[in-house]
Amino acid sequence: MDRNVDEYLHAADIFTFPSEREGMPNGLLDAMASGLPVALTPSAGFSDDLGSDGREFMIVERSAAALTQALEALLKGKSLRIRLRRVAPRRVESRFDLEQSLDCYSALYHELVASIN
C-alpha cells in the first residue's frame, strides 16, 4: 500500500473514475473526502449513499469524448469545482463514518444470526 495517497490526492486538481463495475470504491471515497471534484461513469454496484449526480460528483457517459468534456468542464468551471469540493467531503463524512459503518455491519451480523436461529 502506498503511504503517499493523501499527498497524491492533495496534489491533484480533479479525479476521474471510469470503472464499469465496483462495490464500494475506496479510491473514490478517498478522492471525495479530500475534496477533489469527481467525474465518474455509471457503474453497477454504486450505492446511492455516494450521493447524486451534479451534487457530490458528475456522472458522465463511458466514452473518451464524454470524459474529456466532463474533465474540461471541471477544470474550467470554478463554481462547479468549488461546489463539489465543499459538498462531497461532507457527504463522505456523514455517510461513511467508521463508527457508523461498524454499527451497520454489527446490525447486519446480528440480523443474520437471528435468522439462523
N, C-alpha and C. Protein backbone atom coordinates (compact mmCIF):
# COMPACT_ATOMS: atom_id res chain seq x y z
N MET A 1 0.84 -1.18 0.00
CA MET A 1 0.00 0.00 0.00
C MET A 1 0.88 1.24 0.00
N ASP A 2 0.54 2.17 -0.86
CA ASP A 2 1.31 3.41 -0.97
C ASP A 2 0.91 4.36 0.16
N ARG A 3 1.88 4.80 0.91
CA ARG A 3 1.61 5.67 2.05
C ARG A 3 1.46 7.13 1.64
N ASN A 4 1.62 7.43 0.36
CA ASN A 4 1.56 8.81 -0.12
C ASN A 4 0.22 9.16 -0.74
N VAL A 5 -0.80 8.36 -0.51
CA VAL A 5 -2.09 8.58 -1.16
C VAL A 5 -2.61 9.99 -0.87
N ASP A 6 -2.57 10.42 0.37
CA ASP A 6 -3.04 11.78 0.70
C ASP A 6 -2.28 12.84 -0.07
N GLU A 7 -0.97 12.65 -0.18
CA GLU A 7 -0.16 13.63 -0.93
C GLU A 7 -0.59 13.67 -2.39
N TYR A 8 -0.82 12.51 -2.98
CA TYR A 8 -1.25 12.46 -4.38
C TYR A 8 -2.61 13.12 -4.57
N LEU A 9 -3.54 12.82 -3.67
CA LEU A 9 -4.87 13.41 -3.78
C LEU A 9 -4.82 14.92 -3.63
N HIS A 10 -4.02 15.41 -2.71
CA HIS A 10 -3.94 16.86 -2.50
C HIS A 10 -3.18 17.56 -3.62
N ALA A 11 -2.37 16.82 -4.35
CA ALA A 11 -1.64 17.40 -5.48
C ALA A 11 -2.49 17.43 -6.76
N ALA A 12 -3.56 16.66 -6.78
CA ALA A 12 -4.42 16.57 -7.97
C ALA A 12 -5.43 17.72 -8.00
N ASP A 13 -5.92 18.00 -9.21
CA ASP A 13 -6.95 19.02 -9.39
C ASP A 13 -8.34 18.40 -9.52
N ILE A 14 -8.41 17.23 -10.15
CA ILE A 14 -9.68 16.53 -10.34
C ILE A 14 -9.42 15.02 -10.27
N PHE A 15 -10.49 14.26 -10.17
CA PHE A 15 -10.39 12.80 -10.08
C PHE A 15 -11.43 12.21 -11.01
N THR A 16 -11.03 11.21 -11.78
CA THR A 16 -11.99 10.53 -12.63
C THR A 16 -12.00 9.05 -12.29
N PHE A 17 -13.18 8.47 -12.40
CA PHE A 17 -13.36 7.07 -12.02
C PHE A 17 -14.25 6.40 -13.07
N PRO A 18 -13.64 5.89 -14.17
CA PRO A 18 -14.42 5.33 -15.27
C PRO A 18 -14.68 3.82 -15.17
N SER A 19 -14.77 3.31 -13.97
CA SER A 19 -14.95 1.87 -13.77
C SER A 19 -16.34 1.42 -14.21
N GLU A 20 -16.42 0.21 -14.74
CA GLU A 20 -17.70 -0.35 -15.15
C GLU A 20 -18.44 -1.06 -14.03
N ARG A 21 -17.70 -1.62 -13.09
CA ARG A 21 -18.33 -2.39 -12.01
C ARG A 21 -17.50 -2.23 -10.75
N GLU A 22 -18.14 -1.83 -9.68
CA GLU A 22 -17.46 -1.64 -8.40
C GLU A 22 -18.43 -1.98 -7.28
N GLY A 23 -17.86 -2.29 -6.15
CA GLY A 23 -18.66 -2.42 -4.94
C GLY A 23 -18.68 -1.06 -4.29
N MET A 24 -17.89 -0.89 -3.26
CA MET A 24 -17.74 0.41 -2.63
C MET A 24 -16.30 0.84 -2.85
N PRO A 25 -16.06 1.67 -3.84
CA PRO A 25 -14.69 2.03 -4.24
C PRO A 25 -14.01 2.98 -3.25
N ASN A 26 -13.06 2.46 -2.51
CA ASN A 26 -12.35 3.28 -1.53
C ASN A 26 -11.61 4.44 -2.17
N GLY A 27 -11.05 4.23 -3.36
CA GLY A 27 -10.35 5.32 -4.04
C GLY A 27 -11.27 6.49 -4.32
N LEU A 28 -12.47 6.19 -4.73
CA LEU A 28 -13.45 7.24 -4.99
C LEU A 28 -13.83 7.95 -3.69
N LEU A 29 -14.05 7.19 -2.64
CA LEU A 29 -14.37 7.80 -1.34
C LEU A 29 -13.22 8.68 -0.85
N ASP A 30 -11.99 8.20 -1.02
CA ASP A 30 -10.82 8.99 -0.62
C ASP A 30 -10.77 10.31 -1.39
N ALA A 31 -11.01 10.24 -2.69
CA ALA A 31 -10.98 11.45 -3.52
C ALA A 31 -12.07 12.43 -3.09
N MET A 32 -13.28 11.92 -2.88
CA MET A 32 -14.37 12.79 -2.46
C MET A 32 -14.09 13.40 -1.09
N ALA A 33 -13.57 12.57 -0.16
CA ALA A 33 -13.28 13.05 1.19
C ALA A 33 -12.20 14.13 1.18
N SER A 34 -11.27 14.03 0.24
CA SER A 34 -10.20 15.03 0.17
C SER A 34 -10.64 16.31 -0.53
N GLY A 35 -11.85 16.31 -1.07
CA GLY A 35 -12.37 17.50 -1.73
C GLY A 35 -12.07 17.60 -3.20
N LEU A 36 -11.62 16.50 -3.80
CA LEU A 36 -11.38 16.54 -5.25
C LEU A 36 -12.70 16.49 -6.00
N PRO A 37 -12.89 17.37 -6.99
CA PRO A 37 -14.05 17.24 -7.85
C PRO A 37 -13.94 15.93 -8.64
N VAL A 38 -15.03 15.18 -8.72
CA VAL A 38 -15.00 13.84 -9.29
C VAL A 38 -15.92 13.74 -10.50
N ALA A 39 -15.39 13.12 -11.57
CA ALA A 39 -16.19 12.71 -12.73
C ALA A 39 -16.13 11.19 -12.78
N LEU A 40 -17.30 10.56 -12.78
CA LEU A 40 -17.32 9.10 -12.84
C LEU A 40 -18.32 8.63 -13.88
N THR A 41 -18.17 7.40 -14.28
CA THR A 41 -19.10 6.82 -15.25
C THR A 41 -20.07 5.91 -14.51
N PRO A 42 -21.24 5.65 -15.09
CA PRO A 42 -22.20 4.76 -14.43
C PRO A 42 -21.55 3.42 -14.14
N SER A 43 -21.80 2.90 -12.97
CA SER A 43 -21.17 1.64 -12.57
C SER A 43 -22.15 0.78 -11.81
N ALA A 44 -22.20 -0.47 -12.17
CA ALA A 44 -23.03 -1.42 -11.42
C ALA A 44 -22.45 -1.56 -10.03
N GLY A 45 -23.28 -1.44 -9.03
CA GLY A 45 -22.82 -1.65 -7.67
C GLY A 45 -22.64 -0.39 -6.86
N PHE A 46 -22.67 0.79 -7.48
CA PHE A 46 -22.55 2.02 -6.71
C PHE A 46 -23.76 2.19 -5.82
N SER A 47 -23.52 2.55 -4.60
CA SER A 47 -24.58 2.78 -3.64
C SER A 47 -25.12 4.20 -3.78
N ASP A 48 -26.41 4.36 -3.56
CA ASP A 48 -26.99 5.70 -3.55
C ASP A 48 -26.41 6.55 -2.42
N ASP A 49 -25.79 5.89 -1.43
CA ASP A 49 -25.17 6.62 -0.34
C ASP A 49 -24.02 7.50 -0.81
N LEU A 50 -23.47 7.22 -2.01
CA LEU A 50 -22.37 8.04 -2.52
C LEU A 50 -22.81 9.47 -2.79
N GLY A 51 -24.07 9.66 -3.10
CA GLY A 51 -24.56 10.99 -3.41
C GLY A 51 -25.30 10.99 -4.72
N SER A 52 -25.37 12.16 -5.33
CA SER A 52 -26.12 12.28 -6.58
C SER A 52 -25.35 13.10 -7.61
N ASP A 53 -25.67 12.80 -8.85
CA ASP A 53 -25.05 13.47 -9.99
C ASP A 53 -25.32 14.97 -9.91
N GLY A 54 -24.25 15.74 -10.08
CA GLY A 54 -24.37 17.18 -10.06
C GLY A 54 -24.29 17.80 -8.67
N ARG A 55 -24.37 16.96 -7.67
CA ARG A 55 -24.28 17.48 -6.30
C ARG A 55 -22.93 17.11 -5.68
N GLU A 56 -22.63 15.81 -5.55
CA GLU A 56 -21.36 15.37 -4.96
C GLU A 56 -20.33 14.99 -6.02
N PHE A 57 -20.79 14.75 -7.24
CA PHE A 57 -19.91 14.32 -8.34
C PHE A 57 -20.65 14.53 -9.65
N MET A 58 -19.94 14.28 -10.75
CA MET A 58 -20.56 14.30 -12.08
C MET A 58 -20.55 12.88 -12.62
N ILE A 59 -21.69 12.43 -13.14
CA ILE A 59 -21.74 11.14 -13.83
C ILE A 59 -21.78 11.43 -15.32
N VAL A 60 -20.88 10.79 -16.06
CA VAL A 60 -20.80 11.01 -17.50
C VAL A 60 -20.78 9.67 -18.23
N GLU A 61 -21.18 9.71 -19.47
CA GLU A 61 -21.16 8.52 -20.31
C GLU A 61 -19.74 7.96 -20.38
N ARG A 62 -19.65 6.64 -20.49
CA ARG A 62 -18.34 5.99 -20.55
C ARG A 62 -17.81 6.04 -21.99
N SER A 63 -17.28 7.18 -22.35
CA SER A 63 -16.63 7.34 -23.65
C SER A 63 -15.53 8.38 -23.49
N ALA A 64 -14.55 8.31 -24.35
CA ALA A 64 -13.44 9.26 -24.27
C ALA A 64 -13.95 10.69 -24.46
N ALA A 65 -14.86 10.88 -25.39
CA ALA A 65 -15.37 12.22 -25.66
C ALA A 65 -16.13 12.79 -24.46
N ALA A 66 -16.99 11.97 -23.85
CA ALA A 66 -17.78 12.44 -22.71
C ALA A 66 -16.88 12.73 -21.50
N LEU A 67 -15.91 11.85 -21.26
CA LEU A 67 -14.98 12.09 -20.15
C LEU A 67 -14.15 13.35 -20.38
N THR A 68 -13.70 13.54 -21.59
CA THR A 68 -12.93 14.74 -21.93
C THR A 68 -13.76 15.99 -21.68
N GLN A 69 -15.01 15.97 -22.13
CA GLN A 69 -15.89 17.12 -21.94
C GLN A 69 -16.13 17.39 -20.44
N ALA A 70 -16.34 16.34 -19.67
CA ALA A 70 -16.58 16.50 -18.23
C ALA A 70 -15.33 17.03 -17.52
N LEU A 71 -14.18 16.50 -17.87
CA LEU A 71 -12.94 16.97 -17.24
C LEU A 71 -12.66 18.43 -17.59
N GLU A 72 -12.94 18.80 -18.85
CA GLU A 72 -12.78 20.21 -19.24
C GLU A 72 -13.74 21.09 -18.45
N ALA A 73 -14.98 20.62 -18.27
CA ALA A 73 -15.97 21.39 -17.50
C ALA A 73 -15.49 21.58 -16.06
N LEU A 74 -14.91 20.53 -15.49
CA LEU A 74 -14.41 20.65 -14.12
C LEU A 74 -13.21 21.59 -14.04
N LEU A 75 -12.34 21.52 -15.02
CA LEU A 75 -11.16 22.38 -15.00
C LEU A 75 -11.51 23.85 -15.24
N LYS A 76 -12.50 24.09 -16.11
CA LYS A 76 -12.87 25.46 -16.46
C LYS A 76 -13.97 26.04 -15.57
N GLY A 77 -14.76 25.18 -14.95
CA GLY A 77 -15.90 25.64 -14.17
C GLY A 77 -15.57 25.83 -12.70
N LYS A 78 -15.09 27.00 -12.37
CA LYS A 78 -14.66 27.25 -11.00
C LYS A 78 -15.81 27.07 -10.00
N SER A 79 -17.00 27.56 -10.30
CA SER A 79 -18.11 27.43 -9.35
C SER A 79 -18.50 25.96 -9.17
N LEU A 80 -18.45 25.17 -10.23
CA LEU A 80 -18.74 23.74 -10.13
C LEU A 80 -17.70 23.05 -9.25
N ARG A 81 -16.43 23.34 -9.48
CA ARG A 81 -15.36 22.75 -8.66
C ARG A 81 -15.52 23.12 -7.19
N ILE A 82 -15.80 24.37 -6.94
CA ILE A 82 -15.95 24.83 -5.55
C ILE A 82 -17.12 24.11 -4.89
N ARG A 83 -18.24 23.97 -5.59
CA ARG A 83 -19.40 23.28 -5.01
C ARG A 83 -19.08 21.83 -4.70
N LEU A 84 -18.46 21.12 -5.65
CA LEU A 84 -18.12 19.72 -5.42
C LEU A 84 -17.10 19.58 -4.30
N ARG A 85 -16.14 20.48 -4.24
CA ARG A 85 -15.12 20.44 -3.18
C ARG A 85 -15.74 20.64 -1.80
N ARG A 86 -16.82 21.38 -1.74
CA ARG A 86 -17.46 21.66 -0.45
C ARG A 86 -18.45 20.56 -0.05
N VAL A 87 -19.22 20.07 -1.00
CA VAL A 87 -20.31 19.14 -0.70
C VAL A 87 -19.83 17.70 -0.54
N ALA A 88 -18.95 17.23 -1.40
CA ALA A 88 -18.54 15.82 -1.39
C ALA A 88 -17.90 15.38 -0.07
N PRO A 89 -16.97 16.15 0.49
CA PRO A 89 -16.38 15.69 1.76
C PRO A 89 -17.41 15.55 2.87
N ARG A 90 -18.38 16.45 2.90
CA ARG A 90 -19.42 16.35 3.93
C ARG A 90 -20.25 15.09 3.75
N ARG A 91 -20.50 14.73 2.50
CA ARG A 91 -21.28 13.52 2.22
C ARG A 91 -20.53 12.29 2.72
N VAL A 92 -19.25 12.21 2.42
CA VAL A 92 -18.45 11.07 2.85
C VAL A 92 -18.40 11.00 4.37
N GLU A 93 -18.18 12.14 5.00
CA GLU A 93 -18.12 12.16 6.46
C GLU A 93 -19.44 11.73 7.09
N SER A 94 -20.56 12.15 6.52
CA SER A 94 -21.85 11.83 7.12
C SER A 94 -22.33 10.41 6.82
N ARG A 95 -21.95 9.87 5.67
CA ARG A 95 -22.45 8.54 5.27
C ARG A 95 -21.47 7.40 5.51
N PHE A 96 -20.19 7.72 5.61
CA PHE A 96 -19.19 6.65 5.67
C PHE A 96 -18.27 6.78 6.87
N ASP A 97 -18.79 7.35 7.92
CA ASP A 97 -18.06 7.43 9.18
C ASP A 97 -17.74 6.01 9.65
N LEU A 98 -16.55 5.79 10.16
CA LEU A 98 -16.12 4.46 10.58
C LEU A 98 -17.06 3.87 11.63
N GLU A 99 -17.39 4.63 12.64
CA GLU A 99 -18.28 4.12 13.70
C GLU A 99 -19.64 3.74 13.13
N GLN A 100 -20.17 4.57 12.25
CA GLN A 100 -21.47 4.29 11.62
C GLN A 100 -21.38 3.02 10.78
N SER A 101 -20.31 2.86 10.03
CA SER A 101 -20.13 1.66 9.20
C SER A 101 -20.04 0.41 10.06
N LEU A 102 -19.30 0.49 11.15
CA LEU A 102 -19.18 -0.66 12.05
C LEU A 102 -20.53 -1.00 12.69
N ASP A 103 -21.30 0.02 13.05
CA ASP A 103 -22.64 -0.22 13.60
C ASP A 103 -23.53 -0.92 12.58
N CYS A 104 -23.44 -0.53 11.32
CA CYS A 104 -24.25 -1.17 10.26
C CYS A 104 -23.84 -2.63 10.08
N TYR A 105 -22.54 -2.90 10.07
CA TYR A 105 -22.08 -4.29 9.95
C TYR A 105 -22.55 -5.11 11.15
N SER A 106 -22.44 -4.54 12.34
CA SER A 106 -22.87 -5.25 13.55
C SER A 106 -24.36 -5.58 13.48
N ALA A 107 -25.16 -4.63 13.07
CA ALA A 107 -26.61 -4.86 12.95
C ALA A 107 -26.90 -5.94 11.92
N LEU A 108 -26.18 -5.92 10.81
CA LEU A 108 -26.37 -6.94 9.78
C LEU A 108 -26.02 -8.32 10.30
N TYR A 109 -24.89 -8.43 10.99
CA TYR A 109 -24.48 -9.74 11.54
C TYR A 109 -25.47 -10.23 12.58
N HIS A 110 -25.98 -9.35 13.41
CA HIS A 110 -26.99 -9.76 14.41
C HIS A 110 -28.26 -10.25 13.72
N GLU A 111 -28.64 -9.57 12.66
CA GLU A 111 -29.82 -9.97 11.89
C GLU A 111 -29.61 -11.34 11.25
N LEU A 112 -28.42 -11.56 10.71
CA LEU A 112 -28.12 -12.86 10.09
C LEU A 112 -28.14 -13.98 11.11
N VAL A 113 -27.54 -13.75 12.25
CA VAL A 113 -27.51 -14.77 13.32
C VAL A 113 -28.94 -15.05 13.80
N ALA A 114 -29.74 -14.02 13.95
CA ALA A 114 -31.13 -14.21 14.40
C ALA A 114 -31.93 -15.00 13.39
N SER A 115 -31.64 -14.81 12.10
CA SER A 115 -32.40 -15.54 11.07
C SER A 115 -32.03 -17.03 11.02
N ILE A 116 -30.83 -17.37 11.51
CA ILE A 116 -30.39 -18.77 11.53
C ILE A 116 -31.07 -19.51 12.68
N ASN A 117 -31.26 -18.83 13.80
CA ASN A 117 -31.84 -19.46 14.99
C ASN A 117 -33.31 -19.62 14.91
